[in-house]
Amino acid sequence: MQLIENRTQLTGLLQHIKPDSDIAGFGEVTLIVHHTAPLPGITDLLSARSPKTVCIYVPDAELTNPLLKLDETVTLVVRLASRDHFFAQPDTLRLAE
């Protein structure tokens, strides 16, 4: 199987924060997806799926932000790593403006 470098800008409503996961160094967030957008020059493997909700692995350190609360709208850049595993790019999880 060939790996395809991919990234997608995602905006959504934060529904769940899980500070740990089955992958060391990562927690999980679940979002209700509001919007996806491709990044210039990088393959977008998420937008065509039109997901309603998505669970994303996020580096542990990014989940300690005290401003990160349920029902907040957030934005981040994600990559599809396998059929059902999405990972946030480090330092991209932010409250939407």
Foldseek 3Di string as FASTA:
>chain_A
DDDFFAKKKWKFFWADWALDDPDPQWTKTKGQTDDIGGDPPGHHPPVVVVDRMAIETEGNVVVVPPVDDGRFMWIFMWDDPDDRYIYTDPPGIDGDD
